[in-house]
Amino acid sequence: MPPSEAKVKEEVSYYEKGQIKEKKQSLAGKTHGEYLSYFGNGQVMARLYFVNGVREGEAVSYYKDGQIREKGTYRNNKFEGEYTNYYEDGQLREREFYRDGKLDGEYLFHYRNGQIRDKEFYQDGKLHGEYLSFFKNSQIKEKGAFLNDRREGEYVAYYRNGRIRETVTYENGKLKGKFLCYDESGQPVRVKDKDNIEDSSEIEDNAEDKKKRIDDLLTSLGNFEKKTD
């Protein structure tokens, strides 16, 4: 049968106990139209839309109680525009923006109490611009900046009382000068040069860890073979 005459078919798969596991439509052997996956309790786990096998349009995943877990939009199989995900109680967890499948714009991560935990900026998939992290009481925990995915300028970490804990300067992603550490009263406790800093690896890896966290969430939204617990 020519593709132009092909009909949309509905395919349904089931759990061992008979509940619907997945429901999708296909056209000429490719997923086409609405795709639904379900938890064992019958609640929708994910809802997406396809055009000739390519993800297109709004994509939403849910918790078992029906609360929205993640929401985003696909354009030609890539994320485009705003992506959000939520805690089980409906409180916003993360908000980020995409352009052609790459992070682009402001990224926010929230504590369960609604306060911002991390604020960063991306450009074409790379960290670019100021970033801030906060304690739950909104007091600044860390601040610094990136230029094309490399640390640039002053990095400062703080105690909860607002005093400086650590400070160091970066240039083109490399440490420059002294790495200074202070106690909670503001007195210097350590001074190290750039060739002898045990703490720097943790600081430099921080951005990559955040990227991995984001990637894991995106994978969970796009994975249609999820296992239920």
Protein backbone atom coordinates (compact mmCIF):
# COMPACT_ATOMS: atom_id res chain seq x y z
CA MET A 1 0.00 0.00 0.00
CA PRO A 2 1.48 3.40 -0.94
CA PRO A 3 2.38 5.63 2.05
CA SER A 4 -0.28 8.14 1.04
CA GLU A 5 -2.93 5.44 1.49
CA ALA A 6 -1.56 4.00 4.72
CA LYS A 7 -3.83 4.15 7.72
CA VAL A 8 -2.98 5.14 11.25
CA LYS A 9 -2.95 2.08 13.48
CA GLU A 10 -3.25 1.96 17.25
CA GLU A 11 -0.91 -0.32 19.16
CA VAL A 12 -1.43 -1.27 22.80
CA SER A 13 0.88 -3.19 25.14
CA TYR A 14 0.01 -4.51 28.60
CA TYR A 15 1.56 -5.33 31.95
CA GLU A 16 1.50 -8.96 33.08
CA LYS A 17 -1.59 -8.31 35.20
CA GLY A 18 -3.49 -6.88 32.25
CA GLN A 19 -3.19 -3.13 32.80
CA ILE A 20 -2.32 -0.99 29.82
CA LYS A 21 1.40 -0.19 29.70
CA GLU A 22 1.70 1.74 26.44
CA LYS A 23 -0.65 3.05 23.81
CA LYS A 24 0.58 4.58 20.58
CA GLN A 25 -0.41 5.24 17.01
CA SER A 26 1.70 4.33 14.01
CA LEU A 27 1.72 5.20 10.34
CA ALA A 28 3.68 3.18 7.80
CA GLY A 29 5.64 1.53 10.61
CA LYS A 30 6.54 4.78 12.41
CA THR A 31 5.06 6.23 15.57
CA HIS A 32 2.67 8.94 14.46
CA GLY A 33 0.28 10.87 16.66
CA GLU A 34 -0.26 10.60 20.39
CA TYR A 35 1.93 8.34 22.52
CA LEU A 36 0.91 7.36 26.05
CA SER A 37 2.67 5.29 28.70
CA TYR A 38 1.04 4.24 31.97
CA PHE A 39 1.89 3.29 35.52
CA GLY A 40 0.58 -0.01 36.83
CA ASN A 41 -2.19 1.88 38.64
CA GLY A 42 -3.60 3.16 35.34
CA GLN A 43 -2.29 6.71 35.72
CA VAL A 44 -0.62 8.25 32.67
CA MET A 45 3.18 8.29 33.03
CA ALA A 46 4.04 10.24 29.88
CA ARG A 47 2.22 11.87 26.98
CA LEU A 48 4.04 12.84 23.79
CA TYR A 49 3.28 13.44 20.14
CA PHE A 50 5.07 12.14 17.06
CA VAL A 51 5.10 12.96 13.37
CA ASN A 52 6.51 10.14 11.23
CA GLY A 53 8.60 8.80 14.09
CA VAL A 54 9.90 12.20 15.20
CA ARG A 55 8.92 13.78 18.52
CA GLU A 56 6.99 16.96 17.86
CA GLY A 57 5.00 19.23 20.17
CA GLU A 58 4.28 19.16 23.89
CA ALA A 59 5.71 16.38 26.05
CA VAL A 60 4.56 15.83 29.63
CA SER A 61 5.45 13.23 32.25
CA TYR A 62 3.59 12.62 35.50
CA TYR A 63 3.94 11.18 38.98
CA LYS A 64 1.80 8.21 39.97
CA ASP A 65 -0.79 10.48 41.58
CA GLY A 66 -1.26 12.48 38.37
CA GLN A 67 0.85 15.45 39.41
CA ILE A 68 2.95 16.84 36.55
CA ARG A 69 6.59 15.83 36.81
CA GLU A 70 8.09 17.36 33.65
CA LYS A 71 6.90 19.46 30.76
CA GLY A 72 8.65 20.53 27.59
CA THR A 73 8.22 21.00 23.86
CA TYR A 74 9.88 19.12 21.02
CA ARG A 75 10.60 20.54 17.61
CA ASN A 76 11.98 18.07 15.12
CA ASN A 77 12.98 15.66 17.91
CA LYS A 78 14.85 18.35 19.90
CA PHE A 79 13.80 20.36 22.91
CA GLU A 80 12.77 23.92 22.08
CA GLY A 81 11.74 26.70 24.43
CA GLU A 82 10.88 26.29 28.09
CA TYR A 83 11.36 23.04 29.99
CA THR A 84 10.14 22.65 33.58
CA ASN A 85 10.07 19.88 36.15
CA TYR A 86 8.41 19.71 39.54
CA TYR A 87 8.59 18.12 42.96
CA GLU A 88 5.89 15.63 43.95
CA ASP A 89 3.87 18.37 45.68
CA GLY A 90 3.74 20.51 42.54
CA GLN A 91 6.47 22.95 43.60
CA LEU A 92 8.69 24.02 40.70
CA ARG A 93 12.07 22.25 40.78
CA GLU A 94 13.82 23.38 37.60
CA ARG A 95 13.19 25.78 34.75
CA GLU A 96 15.47 26.03 31.74
CA PHE A 97 15.29 27.09 28.11
CA TYR A 98 16.39 25.42 24.91
CA ARG A 99 17.21 26.44 21.40
CA ASP A 100 17.64 23.71 18.81
CA GLY A 101 18.11 21.10 21.56
CA LYS A 102 20.75 23.05 23.48
CA LEU A 103 20.44 24.90 26.75
CA ASP A 104 20.16 28.61 26.00
CA GLY A 105 19.20 31.26 28.51
CA GLU A 106 18.47 31.28 32.22
CA TYR A 107 18.57 28.08 34.27
CA LEU A 108 16.96 27.96 37.72
CA PHE A 109 16.94 25.17 40.30
CA HIS A 110 14.68 25.54 43.36
CA TYR A 111 14.62 24.07 46.84
CA ARG A 112 11.42 22.37 47.94
CA ASN A 113 10.49 25.51 49.85
CA GLY A 114 10.42 27.48 46.60
CA GLN A 115 13.64 29.40 47.18
CA ILE A 116 16.20 29.45 44.36
CA ARG A 117 19.15 27.12 44.90
CA ASP A 118 21.08 27.69 41.64
CA LYS A 119 20.88 30.39 38.99
CA GLU A 120 22.97 30.07 35.84
CA PHE A 121 23.01 31.20 32.23
CA TYR A 122 23.68 29.19 29.09
CA GLN A 123 24.49 30.14 25.53
CA ASP A 124 24.38 27.54 22.76
CA GLY A 125 24.62 24.70 25.29
CA LYS A 126 27.52 26.21 27.25
CA LEU A 127 27.65 27.92 30.62
CA HIS A 128 28.08 31.59 29.84
CA GLY A 129 27.68 34.47 32.26
CA GLU A 130 27.15 34.90 35.98
CA TYR A 131 26.08 32.03 38.21
CA LEU A 132 24.86 32.05 41.77
CA SER A 133 23.96 29.41 44.33
CA PHE A 134 22.02 30.06 47.53
CA PHE A 135 21.32 28.61 50.94
CA LYS A 136 17.67 27.81 51.75
CA ASN A 137 17.32 31.18 53.48
CA SER A 138 18.25 32.94 50.18
CA GLN A 139 21.71 33.90 51.49
CA ILE A 140 24.34 33.63 48.73
CA LYS A 141 26.37 30.42 48.99
CA GLU A 142 28.57 30.76 45.87
CA LYS A 143 29.02 33.19 43.03
CA GLY A 144 31.18 33.26 39.95
CA ALA A 145 31.07 33.44 36.19
CA PHE A 146 31.65 31.37 33.06
CA LEU A 147 32.79 32.34 29.59
CA ASN A 148 32.08 29.71 26.92
CA ASP A 149 31.93 26.90 29.49
CA ARG A 150 35.13 28.00 31.26
CA ARG A 151 35.34 29.72 34.60
CA GLU A 152 36.29 33.35 34.35
CA GLY A 153 36.95 35.97 37.00
CA GLU A 154 36.42 35.78 40.74
CA TYR A 155 34.81 32.82 42.46
CA VAL A 156 33.59 33.35 46.03
CA ALA A 157 32.00 30.91 48.49
CA TYR A 158 30.28 32.06 51.67
CA TYR A 159 29.28 30.79 55.09
CA ARG A 160 25.66 30.97 56.18
CA ASN A 161 26.51 34.04 58.23
CA GLY A 162 27.49 35.86 55.05
CA ARG A 163 31.24 35.84 55.64
CA ILE A 164 33.58 34.69 52.88
CA ARG A 165 34.65 31.05 53.11
CA GLU A 166 36.80 30.76 49.96
CA THR A 167 37.88 32.98 47.12
CA VAL A 168 39.93 32.41 43.98
CA THR A 169 40.30 33.95 40.53
CA TYR A 170 40.05 32.17 37.17
CA GLU A 171 41.31 33.18 33.77
CA ASN A 172 40.23 31.20 30.72
CA GLY A 173 39.24 28.29 32.95
CA LYS A 174 42.51 28.16 34.87
CA LEU A 175 43.27 29.20 38.42
CA LYS A 176 45.15 32.46 38.71
CA GLY A 177 46.93 33.55 41.87
CA LYS A 178 46.16 32.43 45.41
CA PHE A 179 43.31 30.29 46.71
CA LEU A 180 42.22 31.88 50.00
CA CYS A 181 40.22 30.20 52.78
CA TYR A 182 38.71 31.80 55.88
CA ASP A 183 37.04 30.66 59.09
CA GLU A 184 33.53 31.78 60.04
CA SER A 185 34.88 34.77 61.92
CA GLY A 186 36.58 36.04 58.77
CA GLN A 187 40.14 35.13 59.71
CA PRO A 188 42.35 33.57 56.98
CA VAL A 189 43.10 29.91 57.66
CA ARG A 190 44.76 28.76 54.44
CA VAL A 191 46.55 30.30 51.50
CA LYS A 192 47.52 28.07 48.60
CA ASP A 193 48.98 28.76 45.21
CA LYS A 194 47.45 27.50 42.00
CA ASP A 195 49.79 24.50 41.84
CA ASN A 196 48.76 23.12 45.23
CA ILE A 197 44.99 23.33 45.61
CA GLU A 198 43.16 20.21 46.71
CA ASP A 199 39.76 21.91 46.61
CA SER A 200 39.96 23.23 43.05
CA SER A 201 38.95 19.98 41.36
CA GLU A 202 35.64 19.97 43.20
CA ILE A 203 34.99 23.56 42.18
CA GLU A 204 35.86 22.95 38.53
CA ASP A 205 33.76 19.78 38.34
CA ASN A 206 30.67 21.49 39.75
CA ALA A 207 29.41 22.77 36.40
CA GLU A 208 29.82 19.38 34.73
CA ASP A 209 27.87 17.70 37.55
CA LYS A 210 24.99 20.09 36.97
CA LYS A 211 25.01 19.29 33.26
CA LYS A 212 24.79 15.57 34.02
CA ARG A 213 21.86 16.21 36.34
CA ILE A 214 20.01 18.06 33.59
CA ASP A 215 20.79 15.35 31.05
CA ASP A 216 19.40 12.68 33.39
CA LEU A 217 16.12 14.55 33.67
CA LEU A 218 15.82 14.99 29.93
CA THR A 219 16.52 11.30 29.45
CA SER A 220 13.80 10.38 31.89
CA LEU A 221 11.27 12.44 29.94
CA GLY A 222 12.26 10.97 26.60
CA ASN A 223 12.57 7.36 27.75
CA PHE A 224 9.43 5.48 26.78
CA GLU A 225 10.52 2.15 28.21
CA LYS A 226 10.55 3.21 31.84
CA LYS A 227 10.17 0.57 34.49
CA THR A 228 7.64 1.07 37.22
CA ASP A 229 8.44 0.31 40.83
